[in-house]
Amino acid sequence: MQTITLDLLTEKLKNAPQSVLERVFGYAEALVEPTSKPYSLTNEQQQQLDNQIISDKSKYVSAESLYSDLKSKYEL
């Protein structure tokens, strides 16, 4: 596997449009930012999130289906 250097990256991006450069910059920033959360959850909130991870996914309803059902129910 070839090691990527700044020179190789510069060469690859030298003709890239500004929008691509901004996306690459955002990605690079996200990679080197600290991984600590800028927020904290209460124990109850963390427990609720943990319970969602292990919940039965077969009981989930798609957003489109829910929206359609609500429109029908309330005649919107």
PDB file of N, CA and C in Angstrom:
ATOM      1  N   MET A   1       0.845  -1.177   0.000  1.00  0.00           N
ATOM      2  CA  MET A   1       0.000   0.000   0.000  1.00  0.00           C
ATOM      3  C   MET A   1       0.890   1.239   0.000  1.00  0.00           C
ATOM      4  N   GLN A   2       0.534   2.184  -0.831  1.00  0.00           N
ATOM      5  CA  GLN A   2       1.337   3.395  -0.969  1.00  0.00           C
ATOM      6  C   GLN A   2       0.993   4.395   0.139  1.00  0.00           C
ATOM      7  N   THR A   3       1.993   4.973   0.731  1.00  0.00           N
ATOM      8  CA  THR A   3       1.787   5.994   1.746  1.00  0.00           C
ATOM      9  C   THR A   3       1.409   7.295   1.065  1.00  0.00           C
ATOM     10  N   ILE A   4       0.347   7.898   1.525  1.00  0.00           N
ATOM     11  CA  ILE A   4      -0.112   9.154   0.941  1.00  0.00           C
ATOM     12  C   ILE A   4       0.640  10.295   1.602  1.00  0.00           C
ATOM     13  N   THR A   5       1.226  11.118   0.788  1.00  0.00           N
ATOM     14  CA  THR A   5       1.936  12.285   1.301  1.00  0.00           C
ATOM     15  C   THR A   5       1.147  13.527   0.937  1.00  0.00           C
ATOM     16  N   LEU A   6       1.515  14.617   1.528  1.00  0.00           N
ATOM     17  CA  LEU A   6       0.873  15.886   1.226  1.00  0.00           C
ATOM     18  C   LEU A   6       1.055  16.236  -0.247  1.00  0.00           C
ATOM     19  N   ASP A   7       2.204  15.907  -0.812  1.00  0.00           N
ATOM     20  CA  ASP A   7       2.449  16.180  -2.231  1.00  0.00           C
ATOM     21  C   ASP A   7       1.491  15.403  -3.128  1.00  0.00           C
ATOM     22  N   LEU A   8       1.267  14.131  -2.811  1.00  0.00           N
ATOM     23  CA  LEU A   8       0.334  13.328  -3.609  1.00  0.00           C
ATOM     24  C   LEU A   8      -1.086  13.866  -3.502  1.00  0.00           C
ATOM     25  N   LEU A   9      -1.473  14.255  -2.315  1.00  0.00           N
ATOM     26  CA  LEU A   9      -2.803  14.796  -2.103  1.00  0.00           C
ATOM     27  C   LEU A   9      -2.964  16.132  -2.835  1.00  0.00           C
ATOM     28  N   THR A  10      -1.956  16.958  -2.763  1.00  0.00           N
ATOM     29  CA  THR A  10      -1.984  18.246  -3.462  1.00  0.00           C
ATOM     30  C   THR A  10      -2.110  18.031  -4.963  1.00  0.00           C
ATOM     31  N   GLU A  11      -1.347  17.107  -5.494  1.00  0.00           N
ATOM     32  CA  GLU A  11      -1.396  16.814  -6.926  1.00  0.00           C
ATOM     33  C   GLU A  11      -2.791  16.335  -7.333  1.00  0.00           C
ATOM     34  N   LYS A  12      -3.369  15.485  -6.530  1.00  0.00           N
ATOM     35  CA  LYS A  12      -4.685  14.926  -6.824  1.00  0.00           C
ATOM     36  C   LYS A  12      -5.767  15.993  -6.819  1.00  0.00           C
ATOM     37  N   LEU A  13      -5.625  16.982  -5.928  1.00  0.00           N
ATOM     38  CA  LEU A  13      -6.677  17.985  -5.751  1.00  0.00           C
ATOM     39  C   LEU A  13      -6.408  19.310  -6.457  1.00  0.00           C
ATOM     40  N   LYS A  14      -5.300  19.412  -7.199  1.00  0.00           N
ATOM     41  CA  LYS A  14      -4.928  20.722  -7.744  1.00  0.00           C
ATOM     42  C   LYS A  14      -5.954  21.299  -8.710  1.00  0.00           C
ATOM     43  N   ASN A  15      -6.705  20.466  -9.405  1.00  0.00           N
ATOM     44  CA  ASN A  15      -7.706  20.973 -10.347  1.00  0.00           C
ATOM     45  C   ASN A  15      -9.136  20.739  -9.867  1.00  0.00           C
ATOM     46  N   ALA A  16      -9.277  20.380  -8.619  1.00  0.00           N
ATOM     47  CA  ALA A  16     -10.605  20.099  -8.078  1.00  0.00           C
ATOM     48  C   ALA A  16     -11.380  21.405  -7.870  1.00  0.00           C
ATOM     49  N   PRO A  17     -12.690  21.350  -8.064  1.00  0.00           N
ATOM     50  CA  PRO A  17     -13.506  22.546  -7.816  1.00  0.00           C
ATOM     51  C   PRO A  17     -13.549  22.893  -6.329  1.00  0.00           C
ATOM     52  N   GLN A  18     -13.903  24.112  -6.044  1.00  0.00           N
ATOM     53  CA  GLN A  18     -13.921  24.613  -4.668  1.00  0.00           C
ATOM     54  C   GLN A  18     -14.811  23.765  -3.770  1.00  0.00           C
ATOM     55  N   SER A  19     -15.939  23.314  -4.290  1.00  0.00           N
ATOM     56  CA  SER A  19     -16.854  22.513  -3.467  1.00  0.00           C
ATOM     57  C   SER A  19     -16.198  21.212  -3.009  1.00  0.00           C
ATOM     58  N   VAL A  20     -15.401  20.602  -3.872  1.00  0.00           N
ATOM     59  CA  VAL A  20     -14.703  19.369  -3.503  1.00  0.00           C
ATOM     60  C   VAL A  20     -13.651  19.665  -2.440  1.00  0.00           C
ATOM     61  N   LEU A  21     -12.931  20.752  -2.614  1.00  0.00           N
ATOM     62  CA  LEU A  21     -11.903  21.117  -1.642  1.00  0.00           C
ATOM     63  C   LEU A  21     -12.512  21.376  -0.265  1.00  0.00           C
ATOM     64  N   GLU A  22     -13.679  22.012  -0.246  1.00  0.00           N
ATOM     65  CA  GLU A  22     -14.351  22.275   1.026  1.00  0.00           C
ATOM     66  C   GLU A  22     -14.769  20.972   1.697  1.00  0.00           C
ATOM     67  N   ARG A  23     -15.264  20.012   0.921  1.00  0.00           N
ATOM     68  CA  ARG A  23     -15.655  18.718   1.477  1.00  0.00           C
ATOM     69  C   ARG A  23     -14.441  17.968   2.017  1.00  0.00           C
ATOM     70  N   VAL A  24     -13.338  18.003   1.282  1.00  0.00           N
ATOM     71  CA  VAL A  24     -12.116  17.328   1.724  1.00  0.00           C
ATOM     72  C   VAL A  24     -11.608  17.972   3.017  1.00  0.00           C
ATOM     73  N   PHE A  25     -11.654  19.300   3.064  1.00  0.00           N
ATOM     74  CA  PHE A  25     -11.208  20.009   4.254  1.00  0.00           C
ATOM     75  C   PHE A  25     -12.084  19.647   5.459  1.00  0.00           C
ATOM     76  N   GLY A  26     -13.396  19.610   5.256  1.00  0.00           N
ATOM     77  CA  GLY A  26     -14.312  19.237   6.333  1.00  0.00           C
ATOM     78  C   GLY A  26     -14.044  17.831   6.829  1.00  0.00           C
ATOM     79  N   TYR A  27     -13.775  16.923   5.887  1.00  0.00           N
ATOM     80  CA  TYR A  27     -13.476  15.539   6.250  1.00  0.00           C
ATOM     81  C   TYR A  27     -12.182  15.471   7.066  1.00  0.00           C
ATOM     82  N   ALA A  28     -11.154  16.200   6.609  1.00  0.00           N
ATOM     83  CA  ALA A  28      -9.879  16.198   7.312  1.00  0.00           C
ATOM     84  C   ALA A  28     -10.034  16.777   8.718  1.00  0.00           C
ATOM     85  N   GLU A  29     -10.828  17.843   8.844  1.00  0.00           N
ATOM     86  CA  GLU A  29     -11.065  18.438  10.156  1.00  0.00           C
ATOM     87  C   GLU A  29     -11.740  17.443  11.093  1.00  0.00           C
ATOM     88  N   ALA A  30     -12.729  16.717  10.563  1.00  0.00           N
ATOM     89  CA  ALA A  30     -13.453  15.749  11.388  1.00  0.00           C
ATOM     90  C   ALA A  30     -12.537  14.620  11.849  1.00  0.00           C
ATOM     91  N   LEU A  31     -11.568  14.255  11.027  1.00  0.00           N
ATOM     92  CA  LEU A  31     -10.656  13.173  11.387  1.00  0.00           C
ATOM     93  C   LEU A  31      -9.727  13.538  12.535  1.00  0.00           C
ATOM     94  N   VAL A  32      -9.340  14.805  12.604  1.00  0.00           N
ATOM     95  CA  VAL A  32      -8.360  15.193  13.619  1.00  0.00           C
ATOM     96  C   VAL A  32      -8.977  15.885  14.830  1.00  0.00           C
ATOM     97  N   GLU A  33     -10.299  16.087  14.825  1.00  0.00           N
ATOM     98  CA  GLU A  33     -10.952  16.697  15.978  1.00  0.00           C
ATOM     99  C   GLU A  33     -10.963  15.718  17.134  1.00  0.00           C
ATOM    100  N   PRO A  34     -10.980  16.232  18.343  1.00  0.00           N
ATOM    101  CA  PRO A  34     -11.069  15.337  19.496  1.00  0.00           C
ATOM    102  C   PRO A  34     -12.380  14.554  19.448  1.00  0.00           C
ATOM    103  N   THR A  35     -12.350  13.341  19.954  1.00  0.00           N
ATOM    104  CA  THR A  35     -13.530  12.488  19.879  1.00  0.00           C
ATOM    105  C   THR A  35     -14.467  12.658  21.072  1.00  0.00           C
ATOM    106  N   SER A  36     -14.159  13.581  21.959  1.00  0.00           N
ATOM    107  CA  SER A  36     -15.043  13.777  23.106  1.00  0.00           C
ATOM    108  C   SER A  36     -16.341  14.437  22.647  1.00  0.00           C
ATOM    109  N   LYS A  37     -17.423  14.069  23.315  1.00  0.00           N
ATOM    110  CA  LYS A  37     -18.727  14.607  22.965  1.00  0.00           C
ATOM    111  C   LYS A  37     -18.846  16.034  23.508  1.00  0.00           C
ATOM    112  N   PRO A  38     -19.423  16.944  22.701  1.00  0.00           N
ATOM    113  CA  PRO A  38     -19.609  18.320  23.174  1.00  0.00           C
ATOM    114  C   PRO A  38     -20.871  18.459  24.029  1.00  0.00           C
ATOM    115  N   TYR A  39     -21.402  17.358  24.488  1.00  0.00           N
ATOM    116  CA  TYR A  39     -22.623  17.364  25.281  1.00  0.00           C
ATOM    117  C   TYR A  39     -22.550  16.236  26.305  1.00  0.00           C
ATOM    118  N   SER A  40     -23.469  16.248  27.224  1.00  0.00           N
ATOM    119  CA  SER A  40     -23.538  15.132  28.166  1.00  0.00           C
ATOM    120  C   SER A  40     -25.000  14.726  28.317  1.00  0.00           C
ATOM    121  N   LEU A  41     -25.217  13.453  28.553  1.00  0.00           N
ATOM    122  CA  LEU A  41     -26.557  12.921  28.726  1.00  0.00           C
ATOM    123  C   LEU A  41     -26.777  12.534  30.177  1.00  0.00           C
ATOM    124  N   THR A  42     -28.012  12.638  30.588  1.00  0.00           N
ATOM    125  CA  THR A  42     -28.338  12.134  31.912  1.00  0.00           C
ATOM    126  C   THR A  42     -28.318  10.606  31.834  1.00  0.00           C
ATOM    127  N   ASN A  43     -28.284   9.962  32.968  1.00  0.00           N
ATOM    128  CA  ASN A  43     -28.320   8.496  32.992  1.00  0.00           C
ATOM    129  C   ASN A  43     -29.588   7.966  32.331  1.00  0.00           C
ATOM    130  N   GLU A  44     -30.698   8.656  32.564  1.00  0.00           N
ATOM    131  CA  GLU A  44     -31.981   8.239  31.966  1.00  0.00           C
ATOM    132  C   GLU A  44     -31.934   8.351  30.441  1.00  0.00           C
ATOM    133  N   GLN A  45     -31.371   9.444  29.927  1.00  0.00           N
ATOM    134  CA  GLN A  45     -31.256   9.615  28.478  1.00  0.00           C
ATOM    135  C   GLN A  45     -30.334   8.557  27.872  1.00  0.00           C
ATOM    136  N   GLN A  46     -29.231   8.270  28.540  1.00  0.00           N
ATOM    137  CA  GLN A  46     -28.303   7.259  28.028  1.00  0.00           C
ATOM    138  C   GLN A  46     -28.953   5.883  28.024  1.00  0.00           C
ATOM    139  N   GLN A  47     -29.716   5.591  29.061  1.00  0.00           N
ATOM    140  CA  GLN A  47     -30.416   4.309  29.139  1.00  0.00           C
ATOM    141  C   GLN A  47     -31.443   4.183  28.006  1.00  0.00           C
ATOM    142  N   GLN A  48     -32.135   5.272  27.713  1.00  0.00           N
ATOM    143  CA  GLN A  48     -33.124   5.262  26.633  1.00  0.00           C
ATOM    144  C   GLN A  48     -32.446   4.986  25.294  1.00  0.00           C
ATOM    145  N   LEU A  49     -31.312   5.604  25.053  1.00  0.00           N
ATOM    146  CA  LEU A  49     -30.569   5.354  23.822  1.00  0.00           C
ATOM    147  C   LEU A  49     -30.062   3.920  23.760  1.00  0.00           C
ATOM    148  N   ASP A  50     -29.537   3.430  24.859  1.00  0.00           N
ATOM    149  CA  ASP A  50     -29.054   2.053  24.901  1.00  0.00           C
ATOM    150  C   ASP A  50     -30.182   1.065  24.617  1.00  0.00           C
ATOM    151  N   ASN A  51     -31.368   1.337  25.140  1.00  0.00           N
ATOM    152  CA  ASN A  51     -32.512   0.460  24.899  1.00  0.00           C
ATOM    153  C   ASN A  51     -32.926   0.466  23.428  1.00  0.00           C
ATOM    154  N   GLN A  52     -32.759   1.586  22.749  1.00  0.00           N
ATOM    155  CA  GLN A  52     -33.098   1.662  21.333  1.00  0.00           C
ATOM    156  C   GLN A  52     -32.162   0.801  20.497  1.00  0.00           C
ATOM    157  N   ILE A  53     -30.927   0.698  20.912  1.00  0.00           N
ATOM    158  CA  ILE A  53     -29.952  -0.087  20.162  1.00  0.00           C
ATOM    159  C   ILE A  53     -30.335  -1.557  20.151  1.00  0.00           C
ATOM    160  N   ILE A  54     -30.855  -2.042  21.264  1.00  0.00           N
ATOM    161  CA  ILE A  54     -31.180  -3.462  21.347  1.00  0.00           C
ATOM    162  C   ILE A  54     -32.662  -3.745  21.083  1.00  0.00           C
ATOM    163  N   SER A  55     -33.417  -2.740  20.626  1.00  0.00           N
ATOM    164  CA  SER A  55     -34.850  -2.951  20.389  1.00  0.00           C
ATOM    165  C   SER A  55     -35.081  -3.780  19.128  1.00  0.00           C
ATOM    166  N   ASP A  56     -36.284  -4.321  19.019  1.00  0.00           N
ATOM    167  CA  ASP A  56     -36.663  -5.182  17.894  1.00  0.00           C
ATOM    168  C   ASP A  56     -36.918  -4.317  16.658  1.00  0.00           C
ATOM    169  N   LYS A  57     -36.030  -4.408  15.703  1.00  0.00           N
ATOM    170  CA  LYS A  57     -36.116  -3.561  14.503  1.00  0.00           C
ATOM    171  C   LYS A  57     -37.325  -3.906  13.630  1.00  0.00           C
ATOM    172  N   SER A  58     -37.889  -5.104  13.794  1.00  0.00           N
ATOM    173  CA  SER A  58     -39.049  -5.495  12.986  1.00  0.00           C
ATOM    174  C   SER A  58     -40.297  -4.696  13.369  1.00  0.00           C
ATOM    175  N   LYS A  59     -40.278  -4.066  14.522  1.00  0.00           N
ATOM    176  CA  LYS A  59     -41.420  -3.263  14.956  1.00  0.00           C
ATOM    177  C   LYS A  59     -41.333  -1.812  14.486  1.00  0.00           C
ATOM    178  N   TYR A  60     -40.252  -1.463  13.830  1.00  0.00           N
ATOM    179  CA  TYR A  60     -40.082  -0.105  13.334  1.00  0.00           C
ATOM    180  C   TYR A  60     -41.030   0.141  12.170  1.00  0.00           C
ATOM    181  N   VAL A  61     -41.435   1.387  11.994  1.00  0.00           N
ATOM    182  CA  VAL A  61     -42.290   1.792  10.890  1.00  0.00           C
ATOM    183  C   VAL A  61     -41.538   2.850  10.096  1.00  0.00           C
ATOM    184  N   SER A  62     -41.605   2.763   8.784  1.00  0.00           N
ATOM    185  CA  SER A  62     -40.900   3.748   7.969  1.00  0.00           C
ATOM    186  C   SER A  62     -41.581   5.112   8.118  1.00  0.00           C
ATOM    187  N   ALA A  63     -40.817   6.157   7.956  1.00  0.00           N
ATOM    188  CA  ALA A  63     -41.337   7.517   8.080  1.00  0.00           C
ATOM    189  C   ALA A  63     -42.418   7.774   7.038  1.00  0.00           C
ATOM    190  N   GLU A  64     -42.224   7.262   5.826  1.00  0.00           N
ATOM    191  CA  GLU A  64     -43.206   7.465   4.766  1.00  0.00           C
ATOM    192  C   GLU A  64     -44.531   6.809   5.123  1.00  0.00           C
ATOM    193  N   SER A  65     -44.465   5.592   5.667  1.00  0.00           N
ATOM    194  CA  SER A  65     -45.663   4.870   6.059  1.00  0.00           C
ATOM    195  C   SER A  65     -46.386   5.593   7.193  1.00  0.00           C
ATOM    196  N   LEU A  66     -45.649   6.044   8.172  1.00  0.00           N
ATOM    197  CA  LEU A  66     -46.225   6.774   9.291  1.00  0.00           C
ATOM    198  C   LEU A  66     -46.896   8.054   8.808  1.00  0.00           C
ATOM    199  N   TYR A  67     -46.233   8.776   7.941  1.00  0.00           N
ATOM    200  CA  TYR A  67     -46.783  10.021   7.396  1.00  0.00           C
ATOM    201  C   TYR A  67     -48.076   9.751   6.640  1.00  0.00           C
ATOM    202  N   SER A  68     -48.066   8.724   5.817  1.00  0.00           N
ATOM    203  CA  SER A  68     -49.248   8.354   5.038  1.00  0.00           C
ATOM    204  C   SER A  68     -50.408   7.966   5.959  1.00  0.00           C
ATOM    205  N   ASP A  69     -50.120   7.182   6.979  1.00  0.00           N
ATOM    206  CA  ASP A  69     -51.157   6.770   7.930  1.00  0.00           C
ATOM    207  C   ASP A  69     -51.748   7.973   8.674  1.00  0.00           C
ATOM    208  N   LEU A  70     -50.906   8.910   9.081  1.00  0.00           N
ATOM    209  CA  LEU A  70     -51.384  10.100   9.777  1.00  0.00           C
ATOM    210  C   LEU A  70     -52.237  10.972   8.873  1.00  0.00           C
ATOM    211  N   LYS A  71     -51.820  11.107   7.621  1.00  0.00           N
ATOM    212  CA  LYS A  71     -52.620  11.886   6.655  1.00  0.00           C
ATOM    213  C   LYS A  71     -53.999  11.276   6.480  1.00  0.00           C
ATOM    214  N   SER A  72     -54.055   9.949   6.369  1.00  0.00           N
ATOM    215  CA  SER A  72     -55.326   9.265   6.203  1.00  0.00           C
ATOM    216  C   SER A  72     -56.178   9.393   7.458  1.00  0.00           C
ATOM    217  N   LYS A  73     -55.576   9.200   8.611  1.00  0.00           N
ATOM    218  CA  LYS A  73     -56.312   9.224   9.880  1.00  0.00           C
ATOM    219  C   LYS A  73     -56.933  10.585  10.128  1.00  0.00           C
ATOM    220  N   TYR A  74     -56.182  11.650   9.838  1.00  0.00           N
ATOM    221  CA  TYR A  74     -56.671  13.002  10.139  1.00  0.00           C
ATOM    222  C   TYR A  74     -57.168  13.717   8.901  1.00  0.00           C
ATOM    223  N   GLU A  75     -57.341  12.989   7.811  1.00  0.00           N
ATOM    224  CA  GLU A  75     -57.896  13.517   6.559  1.00  0.00           C
ATOM    225  C   GLU A  75     -57.217  14.822   6.133  1.00  0.00           C
ATOM    226  N   LEU A  76     -55.919  14.794   6.095  1.00  0.00           N
ATOM    227  CA  LEU A  76     -55.139  15.988   5.696  1.00  0.00           C
ATOM    228  C   LEU A  76     -54.900  16.013   4.205  1.00  0.00           C
TER     229      LEU A  76
END
